[in-house]
N, C-alpha and C. Protein backbone atom coordinates (compact mmCIF):
# COMPACT_ATOMS: atom_id res chain seq x y z
N MET A 1 0.87 -1.16 -0.04
CA MET A 1 0.00 0.03 0.03
C MET A 1 0.92 1.25 0.02
N SER A 2 0.55 2.16 -0.83
CA SER A 2 1.34 3.40 -0.92
C SER A 2 1.16 4.25 0.26
N PRO A 3 2.10 5.10 0.63
CA PRO A 3 2.00 5.99 1.80
C PRO A 3 0.81 6.98 1.62
N ASP A 4 0.63 7.44 0.36
CA ASP A 4 -0.51 8.43 0.14
C ASP A 4 -1.89 7.73 0.43
N ARG A 5 -2.01 6.52 -0.04
CA ARG A 5 -3.27 5.77 0.18
C ARG A 5 -3.47 5.48 1.67
N ARG A 6 -2.43 5.11 2.32
CA ARG A 6 -2.49 4.84 3.74
C ARG A 6 -2.90 6.09 4.51
N GLN A 7 -2.33 7.19 4.12
CA GLN A 7 -2.64 8.46 4.83
C GLN A 7 -4.06 8.87 4.55
N ALA A 8 -4.58 8.66 3.28
CA ALA A 8 -6.03 8.94 2.93
C ALA A 8 -6.95 8.04 3.78
N LEU A 9 -6.62 6.79 3.93
CA LEU A 9 -7.47 5.84 4.64
C LEU A 9 -7.46 6.20 6.12
N LEU A 10 -6.35 6.60 6.66
CA LEU A 10 -6.32 7.01 8.07
C LEU A 10 -7.14 8.22 8.29
N ALA A 11 -7.05 9.24 7.42
CA ALA A 11 -7.84 10.39 7.49
C ALA A 11 -9.35 10.15 7.39
N GLU A 12 -9.69 9.24 6.52
CA GLU A 12 -11.10 8.83 6.34
C GLU A 12 -11.64 8.13 7.61
N TYR A 13 -10.82 7.24 8.15
CA TYR A 13 -11.14 6.49 9.35
C TYR A 13 -11.38 7.49 10.55
N GLY A 14 -10.48 8.47 10.67
CA GLY A 14 -10.59 9.50 11.71
C GLY A 14 -11.87 10.26 11.52
N GLU A 15 -12.25 10.64 10.36
CA GLU A 15 -13.44 11.39 10.11
C GLU A 15 -14.71 10.57 10.45
N VAL A 16 -14.70 9.25 10.05
CA VAL A 16 -15.82 8.35 10.31
C VAL A 16 -15.97 8.20 11.85
N SER A 17 -14.89 8.05 12.58
CA SER A 17 -14.93 7.84 13.95
C SER A 17 -15.40 9.10 14.71
N SER A 18 -14.97 10.28 14.23
CA SER A 18 -15.44 11.55 14.81
C SER A 18 -16.90 11.71 14.55
N ASN A 19 -17.42 11.38 13.35
CA ASN A 19 -18.80 11.51 13.03
C ASN A 19 -19.62 10.58 13.91
N PHE A 20 -19.16 9.34 14.13
CA PHE A 20 -19.88 8.37 15.00
C PHE A 20 -19.95 8.89 16.43
N ARG A 21 -18.81 9.42 16.92
CA ARG A 21 -18.84 9.98 18.26
C ARG A 21 -19.80 11.10 18.45
N GLU A 22 -19.89 11.99 17.41
CA GLU A 22 -20.84 13.10 17.47
C GLU A 22 -22.27 12.56 17.43
N LEU A 23 -22.59 11.54 16.66
CA LEU A 23 -23.92 10.92 16.64
C LEU A 23 -24.27 10.35 17.99
N THR A 24 -23.33 9.66 18.60
CA THR A 24 -23.53 9.10 19.90
C THR A 24 -23.82 10.15 20.99
N GLU A 25 -23.13 11.23 20.88
CA GLU A 25 -23.32 12.33 21.78
C GLU A 25 -24.70 12.88 21.66
N ILE A 26 -25.14 13.18 20.45
CA ILE A 26 -26.49 13.64 20.18
C ILE A 26 -27.53 12.74 20.74
N ARG A 27 -27.32 11.40 20.53
CA ARG A 27 -28.29 10.42 20.98
C ARG A 27 -28.49 10.46 22.48
N PHE A 28 -27.39 10.59 23.25
CA PHE A 28 -27.50 10.64 24.71
C PHE A 28 -28.09 11.92 25.16
N LYS A 29 -27.85 13.05 24.47
CA LYS A 29 -28.46 14.32 24.83
C LYS A 29 -29.94 14.26 24.64
N LEU A 30 -30.36 13.67 23.56
CA LEU A 30 -31.84 13.53 23.27
C LEU A 30 -32.46 12.61 24.28
N LEU A 31 -31.81 11.48 24.60
CA LEU A 31 -32.33 10.54 25.52
C LEU A 31 -32.43 11.11 26.97
N GLY A 32 -31.49 12.00 27.25
CA GLY A 32 -31.56 12.67 28.55
C GLY A 32 -32.62 13.74 28.65
N PHE A 33 -32.93 14.32 27.46
CA PHE A 33 -34.06 15.28 27.48
C PHE A 33 -35.45 14.71 27.59
N LEU A 34 -35.63 13.51 27.09
CA LEU A 34 -36.94 12.89 27.05
C LEU A 34 -37.54 12.83 28.50
N PRO A 35 -36.89 12.31 29.53
CA PRO A 35 -37.53 12.21 30.81
C PRO A 35 -37.87 13.60 31.39
N LEU A 36 -37.07 14.59 31.06
CA LEU A 36 -37.42 15.95 31.53
C LEU A 36 -38.69 16.44 30.87
N ALA A 37 -38.78 16.23 29.62
CA ALA A 37 -39.93 16.65 28.94
C ALA A 37 -41.20 15.91 29.42
N ALA A 38 -41.05 14.61 29.68
CA ALA A 38 -42.23 13.87 30.17
C ALA A 38 -42.64 14.32 31.56
N ALA A 39 -41.68 14.67 32.46
CA ALA A 39 -41.99 15.18 33.79
C ALA A 39 -42.67 16.57 33.68
N ALA A 40 -42.14 17.41 32.81
CA ALA A 40 -42.77 18.74 32.64
C ALA A 40 -44.19 18.59 32.11
N ALA A 41 -44.41 17.69 31.20
CA ALA A 41 -45.80 17.46 30.65
C ALA A 41 -46.77 16.87 31.77
N ALA A 42 -46.19 16.05 32.61
CA ALA A 42 -47.00 15.50 33.74
C ALA A 42 -47.46 16.60 34.71
N LEU A 43 -46.55 17.62 34.92
CA LEU A 43 -46.91 18.68 35.82
C LEU A 43 -47.90 19.68 35.21
N VAL A 44 -47.76 19.89 33.89
CA VAL A 44 -48.57 20.89 33.23
C VAL A 44 -49.97 20.43 32.93
N LEU A 45 -50.09 19.16 32.55
CA LEU A 45 -51.37 18.66 32.05
C LEU A 45 -52.43 18.51 33.20
N PRO A 46 -53.63 18.79 32.91
CA PRO A 46 -54.74 18.62 33.87
C PRO A 46 -54.92 17.11 34.13
N ARG A 47 -55.39 16.76 35.33
CA ARG A 47 -55.57 15.41 35.73
C ARG A 47 -56.84 14.77 35.28
N ARG A 48 -57.87 15.51 35.12
CA ARG A 48 -59.25 14.89 34.97
C ARG A 48 -59.77 14.95 33.52
N ASP A 49 -59.83 16.11 32.98
CA ASP A 49 -60.47 16.19 31.64
C ASP A 49 -59.44 16.20 30.51
N VAL A 50 -59.86 15.61 29.43
CA VAL A 50 -59.04 15.54 28.25
C VAL A 50 -59.38 16.69 27.37
N THR A 51 -58.42 17.57 27.08
CA THR A 51 -58.69 18.70 26.22
C THR A 51 -57.85 18.59 24.97
N VAL A 52 -58.04 19.59 24.13
CA VAL A 52 -57.20 19.64 22.90
C VAL A 52 -55.72 19.80 23.22
N GLN A 53 -55.50 20.60 24.27
CA GLN A 53 -54.09 20.78 24.71
C GLN A 53 -53.46 19.45 25.09
N THR A 54 -54.18 18.69 25.89
CA THR A 54 -53.75 17.38 26.33
C THR A 54 -53.50 16.48 25.16
N LEU A 55 -54.35 16.45 24.22
CA LEU A 55 -54.17 15.62 22.97
C LEU A 55 -52.99 16.11 22.15
N ALA A 56 -52.84 17.43 22.02
CA ALA A 56 -51.70 17.97 21.29
C ALA A 56 -50.33 17.59 21.97
N ILE A 57 -50.25 17.70 23.24
CA ILE A 57 -49.01 17.39 23.93
C ILE A 57 -48.74 15.89 23.84
N SER A 58 -49.79 15.11 23.89
CA SER A 58 -49.61 13.61 23.70
C SER A 58 -49.12 13.27 22.37
N VAL A 59 -49.62 13.93 21.34
CA VAL A 59 -49.24 13.62 20.01
C VAL A 59 -47.74 14.10 19.80
N PHE A 60 -47.46 15.24 20.38
CA PHE A 60 -46.07 15.73 20.33
C PHE A 60 -45.12 14.74 20.94
N GLY A 61 -45.49 14.20 22.09
CA GLY A 61 -44.67 13.20 22.74
C GLY A 61 -44.53 11.93 21.93
N LEU A 62 -45.56 11.56 21.22
CA LEU A 62 -45.54 10.29 20.42
C LEU A 62 -44.61 10.60 19.24
N VAL A 63 -44.72 11.67 18.62
CA VAL A 63 -43.86 12.02 17.45
C VAL A 63 -42.39 12.09 17.93
N GLY A 64 -42.17 12.71 19.10
CA GLY A 64 -40.80 12.76 19.58
C GLY A 64 -40.19 11.43 19.90
N THR A 65 -41.00 10.55 20.49
CA THR A 65 -40.53 9.22 20.75
C THR A 65 -40.26 8.44 19.49
N ILE A 66 -41.10 8.54 18.50
CA ILE A 66 -40.92 7.88 17.26
C ILE A 66 -39.68 8.37 16.56
N GLY A 67 -39.40 9.69 16.64
CA GLY A 67 -38.22 10.28 16.12
C GLY A 67 -36.99 9.74 16.76
N LEU A 68 -36.98 9.61 18.07
CA LEU A 68 -35.83 9.11 18.82
C LEU A 68 -35.60 7.59 18.42
N VAL A 69 -36.67 6.85 18.31
CA VAL A 69 -36.49 5.44 17.92
C VAL A 69 -35.92 5.36 16.57
N THR A 70 -36.38 6.18 15.61
CA THR A 70 -35.87 6.11 14.27
C THR A 70 -34.42 6.57 14.20
N TYR A 71 -34.06 7.68 14.94
CA TYR A 71 -32.69 8.16 15.07
C TYR A 71 -31.78 7.03 15.65
N ASN A 72 -32.26 6.32 16.63
CA ASN A 72 -31.49 5.29 17.29
C ASN A 72 -31.29 4.13 16.36
N ALA A 73 -32.26 3.72 15.61
CA ALA A 73 -32.15 2.62 14.70
C ALA A 73 -31.14 2.96 13.54
N ARG A 74 -31.18 4.19 13.07
CA ARG A 74 -30.20 4.61 12.07
C ARG A 74 -28.80 4.62 12.63
N ASN A 75 -28.60 5.10 13.83
CA ASN A 75 -27.29 5.04 14.47
C ASN A 75 -26.81 3.63 14.63
N ASP A 76 -27.69 2.74 14.96
CA ASP A 76 -27.27 1.34 15.08
C ASP A 76 -26.84 0.75 13.69
N GLN A 77 -27.53 1.18 12.60
CA GLN A 77 -27.10 0.70 11.33
C GLN A 77 -25.73 1.28 10.97
N LEU A 78 -25.51 2.53 11.31
CA LEU A 78 -24.19 3.15 11.01
C LEU A 78 -23.16 2.43 11.79
N TYR A 79 -23.40 2.13 13.08
CA TYR A 79 -22.43 1.44 13.93
C TYR A 79 -22.08 0.06 13.42
N ASN A 80 -23.10 -0.71 13.00
CA ASN A 80 -22.96 -2.02 12.45
C ASN A 80 -22.02 -1.94 11.19
N GLU A 81 -22.29 -1.00 10.33
CA GLU A 81 -21.41 -0.82 9.13
C GLU A 81 -19.98 -0.37 9.50
N LEU A 82 -19.84 0.35 10.52
CA LEU A 82 -18.59 0.73 10.96
C LEU A 82 -17.72 -0.42 11.50
N GLU A 83 -18.42 -1.36 12.20
CA GLU A 83 -17.71 -2.53 12.66
C GLU A 83 -17.30 -3.47 11.59
N ALA A 84 -18.14 -3.53 10.51
CA ALA A 84 -17.83 -4.51 9.47
C ALA A 84 -16.62 -4.19 8.67
């Protein structure tokens, strides 16, 4: 292997590793935010009657959770390809 090719591969590997570290950091920040958002919603929402506000916050939580699951699945795919 030529020294130029080796240097290019090492640079690419460093970039991929840096990118994966960044994705992992974002994942943990999002997962840390989810319990805080759930606790805030539990304090804000009324206990007895279901209103449009309650439904809107519930749908927002569902969309956020689906987004996190999708993001996590994509990160798992990237990690599996990085290992291979």
